[in-house]
Amino acid sequence: LRGKFDGVVFNACFGNFFDTDAVTDAAVSCLSPDGAAFITHPLGAPFVAKLHDEDPITVPHLLPTSSEFDDLVRTRTLRPLDFAEEIDLGDEEGEGAPPRPVYYAAAG
């Protein structure tokens, strides 16, 4: 599977891996030269932190901060592409829903 995939997505699961370095290494090894890796969680880093506090055996890790994510990918020959911890769901005038927590980190 080395170099076969254009993308690898960790959605709502990265904090549950016991060895995030090994999982990241395995994912990166599967990427094609122009491939990208994504770590996402629809409820955001604070939600994962709460789960970690409540049950650190099931959720042994937090989601990486922006600088931790940069370090995670740069040591694996990737470059950070994007990072967000909230999303604005309001309309063009800023009306409607307030910003919501989300977690999105991309590297390629």
C-alpha atoms as a PDB file:
ATOM      1  CA  LEU A   1       0.000   0.000   0.000  1.00  0.00           C
ATOM      2  CA  ARG A   2       3.012   2.315   0.083  1.00  0.00           C
ATOM      3  CA  GLY A   3       2.419   5.470  -1.914  1.00  0.00           C
ATOM      4  CA  LYS A   4      -0.980   4.350  -3.220  1.00  0.00           C
ATOM      5  CA  PHE A   5      -3.395   6.893  -1.720  1.00  0.00           C
ATOM      6  CA  ASP A   6      -4.069  10.555  -2.433  1.00  0.00           C
ATOM      7  CA  GLY A   7      -5.471  11.106   1.032  1.00  0.00           C
ATOM      8  CA  VAL A   8      -5.690   9.652   4.508  1.00  0.00           C
ATOM      9  CA  VAL A   9      -8.369  10.942   6.895  1.00  0.00           C
ATOM     10  CA  PHE A  10      -8.438  10.488  10.664  1.00  0.00           C
ATOM     11  CA  ASN A  11     -11.977  11.617  11.524  1.00  0.00           C
ATOM     12  CA  ALA A  12     -13.016  11.614  15.185  1.00  0.00           C
ATOM     13  CA  CYS A  13     -10.455   8.978  16.126  1.00  0.00           C
ATOM     14  CA  PHE A  14      -6.927  10.426  16.449  1.00  0.00           C
ATOM     15  CA  GLY A  15      -7.131  10.795  20.246  1.00  0.00           C
ATOM     16  CA  ASN A  16      -8.079   7.119  20.576  1.00  0.00           C
ATOM     17  CA  PHE A  17      -4.886   5.698  19.087  1.00  0.00           C
ATOM     18  CA  PHE A  18      -2.441   4.373  21.662  1.00  0.00           C
ATOM     19  CA  ASP A  19       0.601   5.194  19.510  1.00  0.00           C
ATOM     20  CA  THR A  20      -0.128   8.284  17.423  1.00  0.00           C
ATOM     21  CA  ASP A  21       3.441   8.363  16.083  1.00  0.00           C
ATOM     22  CA  ALA A  22       3.178   4.820  14.686  1.00  0.00           C
ATOM     23  CA  VAL A  23      -0.253   5.504  13.186  1.00  0.00           C
ATOM     24  CA  THR A  24       0.975   8.729  11.610  1.00  0.00           C
ATOM     25  CA  ASP A  25       4.041   6.977  10.179  1.00  0.00           C
ATOM     26  CA  ALA A  26       1.844   4.247   8.681  1.00  0.00           C
ATOM     27  CA  ALA A  27      -0.549   6.784   7.158  1.00  0.00           C
ATOM     28  CA  VAL A  28       2.239   8.879   5.660  1.00  0.00           C
ATOM     29  CA  SER A  29       3.830   5.778   4.128  1.00  0.00           C
ATOM     30  CA  CYS A  30       0.568   5.126   2.246  1.00  0.00           C
ATOM     31  CA  LEU A  31       0.429   8.596   0.683  1.00  0.00           C
ATOM     32  CA  SER A  32       1.291   9.251  -2.938  1.00  0.00           C
ATOM     33  CA  PRO A  33       3.920  11.982  -3.511  1.00  0.00           C
ATOM     34  CA  ASP A  34       1.204  14.653  -3.789  1.00  0.00           C
ATOM     35  CA  GLY A  35      -1.040  13.080  -1.148  1.00  0.00           C
ATOM     36  CA  ALA A  36      -2.439  14.762   1.956  1.00  0.00           C
ATOM     37  CA  ALA A  37      -3.272  13.682   5.485  1.00  0.00           C
ATOM     38  CA  PHE A  38      -6.144  15.126   7.509  1.00  0.00           C
ATOM     39  CA  ILE A  39      -6.933  14.997  11.218  1.00  0.00           C
ATOM     40  CA  THR A  40     -10.509  16.104  11.873  1.00  0.00           C
ATOM     41  CA  HIS A  41     -13.119  16.057  14.603  1.00  0.00           C
ATOM     42  CA  PRO A  42     -16.581  17.579  14.118  1.00  0.00           C
ATOM     43  CA  LEU A  43     -16.897  18.527  17.812  1.00  0.00           C
ATOM     44  CA  GLY A  44     -13.436  20.035  18.250  1.00  0.00           C
ATOM     45  CA  ALA A  45     -10.428  19.721  20.523  1.00  0.00           C
ATOM     46  CA  PRO A  46     -12.265  20.763  23.732  1.00  0.00           C
ATOM     47  CA  PHE A  47     -14.657  17.827  23.282  1.00  0.00           C
ATOM     48  CA  VAL A  48     -11.760  15.390  22.862  1.00  0.00           C
ATOM     49  CA  ALA A  49     -10.075  16.904  25.944  1.00  0.00           C
ATOM     50  CA  LYS A  50     -13.269  16.290  27.938  1.00  0.00           C
ATOM     51  CA  LEU A  51     -13.388  12.661  26.759  1.00  0.00           C
ATOM     52  CA  HIS A  52      -9.704  12.267  27.651  1.00  0.00           C
ATOM     53  CA  ASP A  53     -10.301  13.659  31.157  1.00  0.00           C
ATOM     54  CA  GLU A  54     -13.281  11.331  31.678  1.00  0.00           C
ATOM     55  CA  ASP A  55     -11.640   8.181  30.288  1.00  0.00           C
ATOM     56  CA  PRO A  56      -7.909   8.427  29.513  1.00  0.00           C
ATOM     57  CA  ILE A  57      -7.716   4.696  28.786  1.00  0.00           C
ATOM     58  CA  THR A  58     -10.157   4.956  25.877  1.00  0.00           C
ATOM     59  CA  VAL A  59      -8.942   8.411  24.790  1.00  0.00           C
ATOM     60  CA  PRO A  60      -5.232   8.432  25.703  1.00  0.00           C
ATOM     61  CA  HIS A  61      -4.324  11.527  23.634  1.00  0.00           C
ATOM     62  CA  LEU A  62      -5.530  15.036  22.968  1.00  0.00           C
ATOM     63  CA  LEU A  63      -5.712  16.466  19.480  1.00  0.00           C
ATOM     64  CA  PRO A  64      -2.463  18.221  18.566  1.00  0.00           C
ATOM     65  CA  THR A  65      -2.251  21.992  18.963  1.00  0.00           C
ATOM     66  CA  SER A  66      -1.244  23.977  15.906  1.00  0.00           C
ATOM     67  CA  SER A  67       2.456  23.904  16.841  1.00  0.00           C
ATOM     68  CA  GLU A  68       2.300  20.206  17.801  1.00  0.00           C
ATOM     69  CA  PHE A  69       0.674  19.460  14.442  1.00  0.00           C
ATOM     70  CA  ASP A  70       3.422  21.387  12.643  1.00  0.00           C
ATOM     71  CA  ASP A  71       6.054  19.329  14.485  1.00  0.00           C
ATOM     72  CA  LEU A  72       4.163  16.083  13.831  1.00  0.00           C
ATOM     73  CA  VAL A  73       4.089  16.565  10.069  1.00  0.00           C
ATOM     74  CA  ARG A  74       7.431  18.275   9.500  1.00  0.00           C
ATOM     75  CA  THR A  75       9.305  15.349  11.035  1.00  0.00           C
ATOM     76  CA  ARG A  76       7.626  13.175   8.397  1.00  0.00           C
ATOM     77  CA  THR A  77       8.546  15.157   5.263  1.00  0.00           C
ATOM     78  CA  LEU A  78       5.111  16.765   4.994  1.00  0.00           C
ATOM     79  CA  ARG A  79       4.243  20.430   5.263  1.00  0.00           C
ATOM     80  CA  PRO A  80       1.268  21.889   7.120  1.00  0.00           C
ATOM     81  CA  LEU A  81      -1.475  23.014   4.722  1.00  0.00           C
ATOM     82  CA  ASP A  82      -4.287  24.229   6.972  1.00  0.00           C
ATOM     83  CA  PHE A  83      -5.367  24.296  10.613  1.00  0.00           C
ATOM     84  CA  ALA A  84      -8.672  25.435  12.170  1.00  0.00           C
ATOM     85  CA  GLU A  85     -10.284  25.020  15.572  1.00  0.00           C
ATOM     86  CA  GLU A  86     -13.598  26.707  14.881  1.00  0.00           C
ATOM     87  CA  ILE A  87     -15.874  27.371  11.949  1.00  0.00           C
ATOM     88  CA  ASP A  88     -18.139  30.353  11.353  1.00  0.00           C
ATOM     89  CA  LEU A  89     -21.530  29.136  10.191  1.00  0.00           C
ATOM     90  CA  GLY A  90     -23.097  32.600  10.012  1.00  0.00           C
ATOM     91  CA  ASP A  91     -24.159  34.302   6.820  1.00  0.00           C
ATOM     92  CA  GLU A  92     -22.184  36.988   4.953  1.00  0.00           C
ATOM     93  CA  GLU A  93     -23.328  39.690   7.400  1.00  0.00           C
ATOM     94  CA  GLY A  94     -22.189  37.653  10.400  1.00  0.00           C
ATOM     95  CA  GLU A  95     -25.773  36.872  11.369  1.00  0.00           C
ATOM     96  CA  GLY A  96     -27.031  33.478  12.386  1.00  0.00           C
ATOM     97  CA  ALA A  97     -25.172  30.720  14.150  1.00  0.00           C
ATOM     98  CA  PRO A  98     -22.173  31.646  16.321  1.00  0.00           C
ATOM     99  CA  PRO A  99     -18.783  30.115  15.524  1.00  0.00           C
ATOM    100  CA  ARG A 100     -18.679  26.418  16.423  1.00  0.00           C
ATOM    101  CA  PRO A 101     -15.765  24.322  17.642  1.00  0.00           C
ATOM    102  CA  VAL A 102     -14.314  21.999  15.041  1.00  0.00           C
ATOM    103  CA  TYR A 103     -10.900  20.470  14.484  1.00  0.00           C
ATOM    104  CA  TYR A 104      -9.314  20.400  11.054  1.00  0.00           C
ATOM    105  CA  ALA A 105      -5.621  19.926  10.320  1.00  0.00           C
ATOM    106  CA  ALA A 106      -4.200  19.123   6.895  1.00  0.00           C
ATOM    107  CA  ALA A 107      -0.696  18.337   5.669  1.00  0.00           C
ATOM    108  CA  GLY A 108       0.688  17.333   2.321  1.00  0.00           C
END
